[in-house]
Amino acid sequence: MPFREINSRMVEAQVLPGQKMYSQRGAMLAYKGEVSFTPNIQGGQGGVMSMIGRRVANEATPLMTVEGSGTVMFGHGGHHIQVINLAGDTLYVEADRLLAFDGTLQQGTMFMGSQGGVMGMVRGQVTGQGLFTTTLKGHGAVAVMAHGGVIELPITPQRPVHVDPQAYVAHHGDVRNKLSTALGWRDMVGRGSGEAFQLELSGNGAVYVQASEEKL
């Protein structure tokens, strides 16, 4: 279910009979046609265990199930919106960044410590982001939110990418993440209270970075 970008802060999706999509509650701006919106308590395609994982991580962003026949416009808080199309791969994204996504995508959660060990857990505590990250896998489209727009940076084995954790939005591909320290880095070129942390992403894939260090 492709999204049509109306402008940098609004997208439109076509809802077809027999198909579902999910959106963050409060994200519907307007719609045309016979469309229904119902609270989703099953955790999307990930089921109950996905919902429990997000609740444990304090990432249980309320979702709405969108069904029927028509078109729906989505936006939230005036945030910039980036549409990401998945072709069988997995997107890793903070739950509160999700605006709307195809119901065909399988939703789950990943414990960040499984990739970054102890430093992965430190990332959640230091940056204010959850220890669990939402995953969306399959073929379909995802609309995510960010401050000030988003840029996609490719990640290759020869060229890992270092990101300010506060500017991180999402990533996809066969990517490993590691939180590293760099004395003076945040003091000189980042915005923070003296903590010198970088999120290093290596492997094959891409990372989406917002043009701000503000959380949603």
C-alpha atoms as a PDB file:
ATOM      1  CA  MET A   1       0.000   0.000   0.000  1.00  0.00           C
ATOM      2  CA  PRO A   2       2.098   2.928  -1.227  1.00  0.00           C
ATOM      3  CA  PHE A   3       1.965   6.329   0.432  1.00  0.00           C
ATOM      4  CA  ARG A   4       1.650   9.486  -1.623  1.00  0.00           C
ATOM      5  CA  GLU A   5       3.555  12.408  -0.173  1.00  0.00           C
ATOM      6  CA  ILE A   6       1.282  15.464  -0.112  1.00  0.00           C
ATOM      7  CA  ASN A   7       4.023  17.610   1.396  1.00  0.00           C
ATOM      8  CA  SER A   8       6.899  17.101   3.813  1.00  0.00           C
ATOM      9  CA  ARG A   9       4.483  16.722   6.766  1.00  0.00           C
ATOM     10  CA  MET A  10       1.497  14.891   5.256  1.00  0.00           C
ATOM     11  CA  VAL A  11       1.030  11.615   3.384  1.00  0.00           C
ATOM     12  CA  GLU A  12      -1.991   9.972   1.805  1.00  0.00           C
ATOM     13  CA  ALA A  13      -2.681   6.236   1.619  1.00  0.00           C
ATOM     14  CA  GLN A  14      -5.267   4.325  -0.376  1.00  0.00           C
ATOM     15  CA  VAL A  15      -7.186   1.779   1.684  1.00  0.00           C
ATOM     16  CA  LEU A  16      -8.511  -1.186  -0.297  1.00  0.00           C
ATOM     17  CA  PRO A  17     -11.193  -3.718   0.691  1.00  0.00           C
ATOM     18  CA  GLY A  18      -9.735  -6.768   2.406  1.00  0.00           C
ATOM     19  CA  GLN A  19      -6.481  -5.021   3.282  1.00  0.00           C
ATOM     20  CA  LYS A  20      -5.343  -3.502   6.573  1.00  0.00           C
ATOM     21  CA  MET A  21      -2.933  -0.860   7.618  1.00  0.00           C
ATOM     22  CA  TYR A  22      -1.875   0.424  11.018  1.00  0.00           C
ATOM     23  CA  SER A  23      -1.346   3.983  12.162  1.00  0.00           C
ATOM     24  CA  GLN A  24      -0.421   5.766  15.339  1.00  0.00           C
ATOM     25  CA  ARG A  25      -3.518   6.903  17.194  1.00  0.00           C
ATOM     26  CA  GLY A  26      -4.286  10.519  16.480  1.00  0.00           C
ATOM     27  CA  ALA A  27      -2.410  10.459  13.156  1.00  0.00           C
ATOM     28  CA  MET A  28      -5.514  10.557  10.914  1.00  0.00           C
ATOM     29  CA  LEU A  29      -6.017  14.070   9.533  1.00  0.00           C
ATOM     30  CA  ALA A  30      -8.844  13.452   7.041  1.00  0.00           C
ATOM     31  CA  TYR A  31     -10.304  10.671   4.932  1.00  0.00           C
ATOM     32  CA  LYS A  32     -12.640  10.017   2.012  1.00  0.00           C
ATOM     33  CA  GLY A  33     -14.758   6.930   1.500  1.00  0.00           C
ATOM     34  CA  GLU A  34     -15.941   4.154   3.805  1.00  0.00           C
ATOM     35  CA  VAL A  35     -13.012   3.770   6.185  1.00  0.00           C
ATOM     36  CA  SER A  36     -13.046   2.471   9.761  1.00  0.00           C
ATOM     37  CA  PHE A  37     -10.541   3.113  12.557  1.00  0.00           C
ATOM     38  CA  THR A  38     -10.423   0.742  15.528  1.00  0.00           C
ATOM     39  CA  PRO A  39      -7.995   0.541  18.477  1.00  0.00           C
ATOM     40  CA  ASN A  40      -5.473  -2.256  18.046  1.00  0.00           C
ATOM     41  CA  ILE A  41      -4.734  -4.270  21.197  1.00  0.00           C
ATOM     42  CA  GLN A  42      -2.972  -7.221  19.567  1.00  0.00           C
ATOM     43  CA  GLY A  43       0.343  -5.497  18.838  1.00  0.00           C
ATOM     44  CA  GLY A  44      -0.177  -5.385  15.058  1.00  0.00           C
ATOM     45  CA  GLN A  45       1.097  -8.338  13.036  1.00  0.00           C
ATOM     46  CA  GLY A  46       3.483  -9.247  15.852  1.00  0.00           C
ATOM     47  CA  GLY A  47       0.640 -10.433  18.079  1.00  0.00           C
ATOM     48  CA  VAL A  48       0.457 -10.434  21.839  1.00  0.00           C
ATOM     49  CA  MET A  49       4.147 -11.170  22.454  1.00  0.00           C
ATOM     50  CA  SER A  50       5.125  -8.169  20.364  1.00  0.00           C
ATOM     51  CA  MET A  51       2.750  -6.013  22.391  1.00  0.00           C
ATOM     52  CA  ILE A  52       4.144  -7.364  25.685  1.00  0.00           C
ATOM     53  CA  GLY A  53       7.704  -6.687  24.540  1.00  0.00           C
ATOM     54  CA  ARG A  54       6.876  -3.075  23.781  1.00  0.00           C
ATOM     55  CA  ARG A  55       5.042  -2.599  27.072  1.00  0.00           C
ATOM     56  CA  VAL A  56       7.997  -3.970  29.032  1.00  0.00           C
ATOM     57  CA  ALA A  57      10.197  -1.521  27.123  1.00  0.00           C
ATOM     58  CA  ASN A  58       7.710   1.335  27.662  1.00  0.00           C
ATOM     59  CA  GLU A  59       7.324   1.510  23.875  1.00  0.00           C
ATOM     60  CA  ALA A  60       3.677   0.507  23.594  1.00  0.00           C
ATOM     61  CA  THR A  61       2.759   3.296  21.180  1.00  0.00           C
ATOM     62  CA  PRO A  62      -1.022   2.989  20.687  1.00  0.00           C
ATOM     63  CA  LEU A  63      -1.984   1.826  17.194  1.00  0.00           C
ATOM     64  CA  MET A  64      -5.167   2.030  15.142  1.00  0.00           C
ATOM     65  CA  THR A  65      -6.279  -0.572  12.602  1.00  0.00           C
ATOM     66  CA  VAL A  66      -7.404   1.113   9.383  1.00  0.00           C
ATOM     67  CA  GLU A  67      -9.758  -0.807   7.072  1.00  0.00           C
ATOM     68  CA  GLY A  68     -12.360  -0.221   4.367  1.00  0.00           C
ATOM     69  CA  SER A  69     -12.304   1.534   1.025  1.00  0.00           C
ATOM     70  CA  GLY A  70     -11.079   5.075   0.505  1.00  0.00           C
ATOM     71  CA  THR A  71      -8.123   7.383   1.035  1.00  0.00           C
ATOM     72  CA  VAL A  72      -6.688   8.589   4.339  1.00  0.00           C
ATOM     73  CA  MET A  73      -4.354  11.493   5.050  1.00  0.00           C
ATOM     74  CA  PHE A  74      -1.877  11.069   7.887  1.00  0.00           C
ATOM     75  CA  GLY A  75       0.314  13.480   9.836  1.00  0.00           C
ATOM     76  CA  HIS A  76       1.232  14.055  13.460  1.00  0.00           C
ATOM     77  CA  GLY A  77       2.564  16.991  15.440  1.00  0.00           C
ATOM     78  CA  GLY A  78       3.805  18.799  12.334  1.00  0.00           C
ATOM     79  CA  HIS A  79       6.749  16.366  12.137  1.00  0.00           C
ATOM     80  CA  HIS A  80       8.510  15.691   8.863  1.00  0.00           C
ATOM     81  CA  ILE A  81       7.564  12.362   7.289  1.00  0.00           C
ATOM     82  CA  GLN A  82       9.815   9.923   5.457  1.00  0.00           C
ATOM     83  CA  VAL A  83       8.346   7.041   3.445  1.00  0.00           C
ATOM     84  CA  ILE A  84      10.479   3.876   3.427  1.00  0.00           C
ATOM     85  CA  ASN A  85       9.674   1.033   1.031  1.00  0.00           C
ATOM     86  CA  LEU A  86      10.670  -2.469   2.142  1.00  0.00           C
ATOM     87  CA  ALA A  87      11.337  -5.278  -0.342  1.00  0.00           C
ATOM     88  CA  GLY A  88      11.531  -8.273   1.968  1.00  0.00           C
ATOM     89  CA  ASP A  89      14.035  -6.768   4.394  1.00  0.00           C
ATOM     90  CA  THR A  90      13.633  -5.622   7.993  1.00  0.00           C
ATOM     91  CA  LEU A  91      13.337  -2.053   9.240  1.00  0.00           C
ATOM     92  CA  TYR A  92      14.481  -1.242  12.791  1.00  0.00           C
ATOM     93  CA  VAL A  93      12.734   1.861  14.103  1.00  0.00           C
ATOM     94  CA  GLU A  94      11.816   3.423  17.438  1.00  0.00           C
ATOM     95  CA  ALA A  95       8.111   2.782  18.128  1.00  0.00           C
ATOM     96  CA  ASP A  96       7.203   6.435  18.624  1.00  0.00           C
ATOM     97  CA  ARG A  97       8.640   7.236  15.163  1.00  0.00           C
ATOM     98  CA  LEU A  98       5.990   5.159  13.392  1.00  0.00           C
ATOM     99  CA  LEU A  99       3.244   7.149  11.696  1.00  0.00           C
ATOM    100  CA  ALA A 100       1.612   4.432   9.572  1.00  0.00           C
ATOM    101  CA  PHE A 101       2.556   1.187   7.823  1.00  0.00           C
ATOM    102  CA  ASP A 102       1.190  -1.634   5.674  1.00  0.00           C
ATOM    103  CA  GLY A 103      -0.695  -4.375   7.473  1.00  0.00           C
ATOM    104  CA  THR A 104       1.203  -6.936   5.381  1.00  0.00           C
ATOM    105  CA  LEU A 105       4.397  -6.179   7.301  1.00  0.00           C
ATOM    106  CA  GLN A 106       5.277  -8.467  10.203  1.00  0.00           C
ATOM    107  CA  GLN A 107       5.783  -6.477  13.380  1.00  0.00           C
ATOM    108  CA  GLY A 108       8.045  -7.488  16.247  1.00  0.00           C
ATOM    109  CA  THR A 109      10.618  -6.223  18.721  1.00  0.00           C
ATOM    110  CA  MET A 110      14.367  -6.614  19.099  1.00  0.00           C
ATOM    111  CA  PHE A 111      16.377  -6.226  22.280  1.00  0.00           C
ATOM    112  CA  MET A 112      19.147  -3.768  21.463  1.00  0.00           C
ATOM    113  CA  GLY A 113      21.555  -5.535  23.795  1.00  0.00           C
ATOM    114  CA  SER A 114      21.564  -8.549  21.481  1.00  0.00           C
ATOM    115  CA  GLN A 115      23.516  -6.542  18.928  1.00  0.00           C
ATOM    116  CA  GLY A 116      25.500  -4.175  21.078  1.00  0.00           C
ATOM    117  CA  GLY A 117      25.927  -6.204  24.277  1.00  0.00           C
ATOM    118  CA  VAL A 118      26.213  -4.065  27.397  1.00  0.00           C
ATOM    119  CA  MET A 119      26.787  -0.999  25.253  1.00  0.00           C
ATOM    120  CA  GLY A 120      23.479  -1.619  23.531  1.00  0.00           C
ATOM    121  CA  MET A 121      21.765  -1.377  26.902  1.00  0.00           C
ATOM    122  CA  VAL A 122      23.762   1.753  27.740  1.00  0.00           C
ATOM    123  CA  ARG A 123      22.466   3.293  24.534  1.00  0.00           C
ATOM    124  CA  GLY A 124      18.905   2.992  25.787  1.00  0.00           C
ATOM    125  CA  GLN A 125      19.673   4.481  29.180  1.00  0.00           C
ATOM    126  CA  VAL A 126      21.916   7.310  28.023  1.00  0.00           C
ATOM    127  CA  THR A 127      20.016   8.452  24.941  1.00  0.00           C
ATOM    128  CA  GLY A 128      16.516   8.032  26.326  1.00  0.00           C
ATOM    129  CA  GLN A 129      15.650   5.539  23.585  1.00  0.00           C
ATOM    130  CA  GLY A 130      14.159   2.210  24.560  1.00  0.00           C
ATOM    131  CA  LEU A 131      16.116  -1.003  25.046  1.00  0.00           C
ATOM    132  CA  PHE A 132      13.691  -2.596  22.608  1.00  0.00           C
ATOM    133  CA  THR A 133      13.410  -1.441  19.014  1.00  0.00           C
ATOM    134  CA  THR A 134      10.361  -2.155  16.838  1.00  0.00           C
ATOM    135  CA  THR A 135      10.965  -4.268  13.725  1.00  0.00           C
ATOM    136  CA  LEU A 136       8.888  -4.333  10.536  1.00  0.00           C
ATOM    137  CA  LYS A 137       9.634  -7.070   8.025  1.00  0.00           C
ATOM    138  CA  GLY A 138       8.315  -7.953   4.562  1.00  0.00           C
ATOM    139  CA  HIS A 139       7.119  -6.155   1.460  1.00  0.00           C
ATOM    140  CA  GLY A 140       5.350  -2.847   2.003  1.00  0.00           C
ATOM    141  CA  ALA A 141       5.666   0.800   2.919  1.00  0.00           C
ATOM    142  CA  VAL A 142       6.344   2.539   6.227  1.00  0.00           C
ATOM    143  CA  ALA A 143       5.885   6.224   7.032  1.00  0.00           C
ATOM    144  CA  VAL A 144       8.169   7.405   9.851  1.00  0.00           C
ATOM    145  CA  MET A 145       8.390  10.769  11.610  1.00  0.00           C
ATOM    146  CA  ALA A 146      11.407  12.964  12.282  1.00  0.00           C
ATOM    147  CA  HIS A 147      12.440  16.482  13.211  1.00  0.00           C
ATOM    148  CA  GLY A 148      13.683  18.679  10.395  1.00  0.00           C
ATOM    149  CA  GLY A 149      13.672  16.091   7.622  1.00  0.00           C
ATOM    150  CA  VAL A 150      15.596  12.867   7.033  1.00  0.00           C
ATOM    151  CA  ILE A 151      18.608  11.797   5.007  1.00  0.00           C
ATOM    152  CA  GLU A 152      19.392   8.191   4.042  1.00  0.00           C
ATOM    153  CA  LEU A 153      23.042   7.225   4.459  1.00  0.00           C
ATOM    154  CA  PRO A 154      24.326   3.972   2.901  1.00  0.00           C
ATOM    155  CA  ILE A 155      26.300   1.578   5.103  1.00  0.00           C
ATOM    156  CA  THR A 156      28.948  -0.675   3.535  1.00  0.00           C
ATOM    157  CA  PRO A 157      31.585  -2.979   5.055  1.00  0.00           C
ATOM    158  CA  GLN A 158      34.244  -0.515   3.950  1.00  0.00           C
ATOM    159  CA  ARG A 159      32.353   2.538   5.188  1.00  0.00           C
ATOM    160  CA  PRO A 160      30.605   2.252   8.569  1.00  0.00           C
ATOM    161  CA  VAL A 161      28.508   5.237   9.607  1.00  0.00           C
ATOM    162  CA  HIS A 162      28.791   7.051  12.951  1.00  0.00           C
ATOM    163  CA  VAL A 163      25.613   8.771  14.122  1.00  0.00           C
ATOM    164  CA  ASP A 164      24.695  10.953  17.060  1.00  0.00           C
ATOM    165  CA  PRO A 165      22.243   8.626  18.868  1.00  0.00           C
ATOM    166  CA  GLN A 166      19.765  11.483  19.278  1.00  0.00           C
ATOM    167  CA  ALA A 167      19.675  11.978  15.495  1.00  0.00           C
ATOM    168  CA  TYR A 168      19.075   8.275  14.745  1.00  0.00           C
ATOM    169  CA  VAL A 169      15.652   7.467  13.258  1.00  0.00           C
ATOM    170  CA  ALA A 170      15.827   3.953  11.772  1.00  0.00           C
ATOM    171  CA  HIS A 171      17.976   1.525   9.817  1.00  0.00           C
ATOM    172  CA  HIS A 172      17.592  -1.537   7.616  1.00  0.00           C
ATOM    173  CA  GLY A 173      19.773  -4.262   6.180  1.00  0.00           C
ATOM    174  CA  ASP A 174      22.386  -6.589   7.638  1.00  0.00           C
ATOM    175  CA  VAL A 175      23.683  -3.991  10.065  1.00  0.00           C
ATOM    176  CA  ARG A 176      25.419  -4.247  13.426  1.00  0.00           C
ATOM    177  CA  ASN A 177      25.283  -1.396  15.916  1.00  0.00           C
ATOM    178  CA  LYS A 178      27.732  -0.469  18.653  1.00  0.00           C
ATOM    179  CA  LEU A 179      27.772   2.453  21.034  1.00  0.00           C
ATOM    180  CA  SER A 180      31.271   3.886  21.351  1.00  0.00           C
ATOM    181  CA  THR A 181      32.770   6.767  23.252  1.00  0.00           C
ATOM    182  CA  ALA A 182      34.808   9.581  21.774  1.00  0.00           C
ATOM    183  CA  LEU A 183      36.190  12.019  24.311  1.00  0.00           C
ATOM    184  CA  GLY A 184      35.109  15.537  23.475  1.00  0.00           C
ATOM    185  CA  TRP A 185      33.084  14.506  20.413  1.00  0.00           C
ATOM    186  CA  ARG A 186      29.689  15.604  21.732  1.00  0.00           C
ATOM    187  CA  ASP A 187      31.209  18.621  23.447  1.00  0.00           C
ATOM    188  CA  MET A 188      32.676  19.844  20.161  1.00  0.00           C
ATOM    189  CA  VAL A 189      30.269  18.782  17.405  1.00  0.00           C
ATOM    190  CA  GLY A 190      27.157  17.327  19.060  1.00  0.00           C
ATOM    191  CA  ARG A 191      24.522  18.579  21.414  1.00  0.00           C
ATOM    192  CA  GLY A 192      24.561  17.078  24.879  1.00  0.00           C
ATOM    193  CA  SER A 193      25.541  17.440  28.505  1.00  0.00           C
ATOM    194  CA  GLY A 194      29.097  16.200  28.214  1.00  0.00           C
ATOM    195  CA  GLU A 195      28.478  12.536  27.305  1.00  0.00           C
ATOM    196  CA  ALA A 196      30.695  11.554  24.385  1.00  0.00           C
ATOM    197  CA  PHE A 197      28.793   8.814  22.570  1.00  0.00           C
ATOM    198  CA  GLN A 198      28.552   7.734  18.964  1.00  0.00           C
ATOM    199  CA  LEU A 199      26.334   5.047  17.476  1.00  0.00           C
ATOM    200  CA  GLU A 200      28.458   3.092  15.010  1.00  0.00           C
ATOM    201  CA  LEU A 201      26.606   1.111  12.336  1.00  0.00           C
ATOM    202  CA  SER A 202      28.517  -1.339  10.150  1.00  0.00           C
ATOM    203  CA  GLY A 203      27.657  -3.987   7.553  1.00  0.00           C
ATOM    204  CA  ASN A 204      25.372  -3.626   4.534  1.00  0.00           C
ATOM    205  CA  GLY A 205      22.283  -1.430   4.585  1.00  0.00           C
ATOM    206  CA  ALA A 206      21.264   2.136   5.281  1.00  0.00           C
ATOM    207  CA  VAL A 207      20.547   4.395   8.234  1.00  0.00           C
ATOM    208  CA  TYR A 208      18.048   7.263   8.361  1.00  0.00           C
ATOM    209  CA  VAL A 209      19.231  10.357  10.208  1.00  0.00           C
ATOM    210  CA  GLN A 210      17.116  13.367  11.124  1.00  0.00           C
ATOM    211  CA  ALA A 211      18.285  16.968  10.856  1.00  0.00           C
ATOM    212  CA  SER A 212      17.904  17.533  14.583  1.00  0.00           C
ATOM    213  CA  GLU A 213      18.902  16.083  17.940  1.00  0.00           C
ATOM    214  CA  GLU A 214      15.427  16.586  19.409  1.00  0.00           C
ATOM    215  CA  LYS A 215      13.322  13.585  20.449  1.00  0.00           C
ATOM    216  CA  LEU A 216       9.699  13.356  19.333  1.00  0.00           C
END
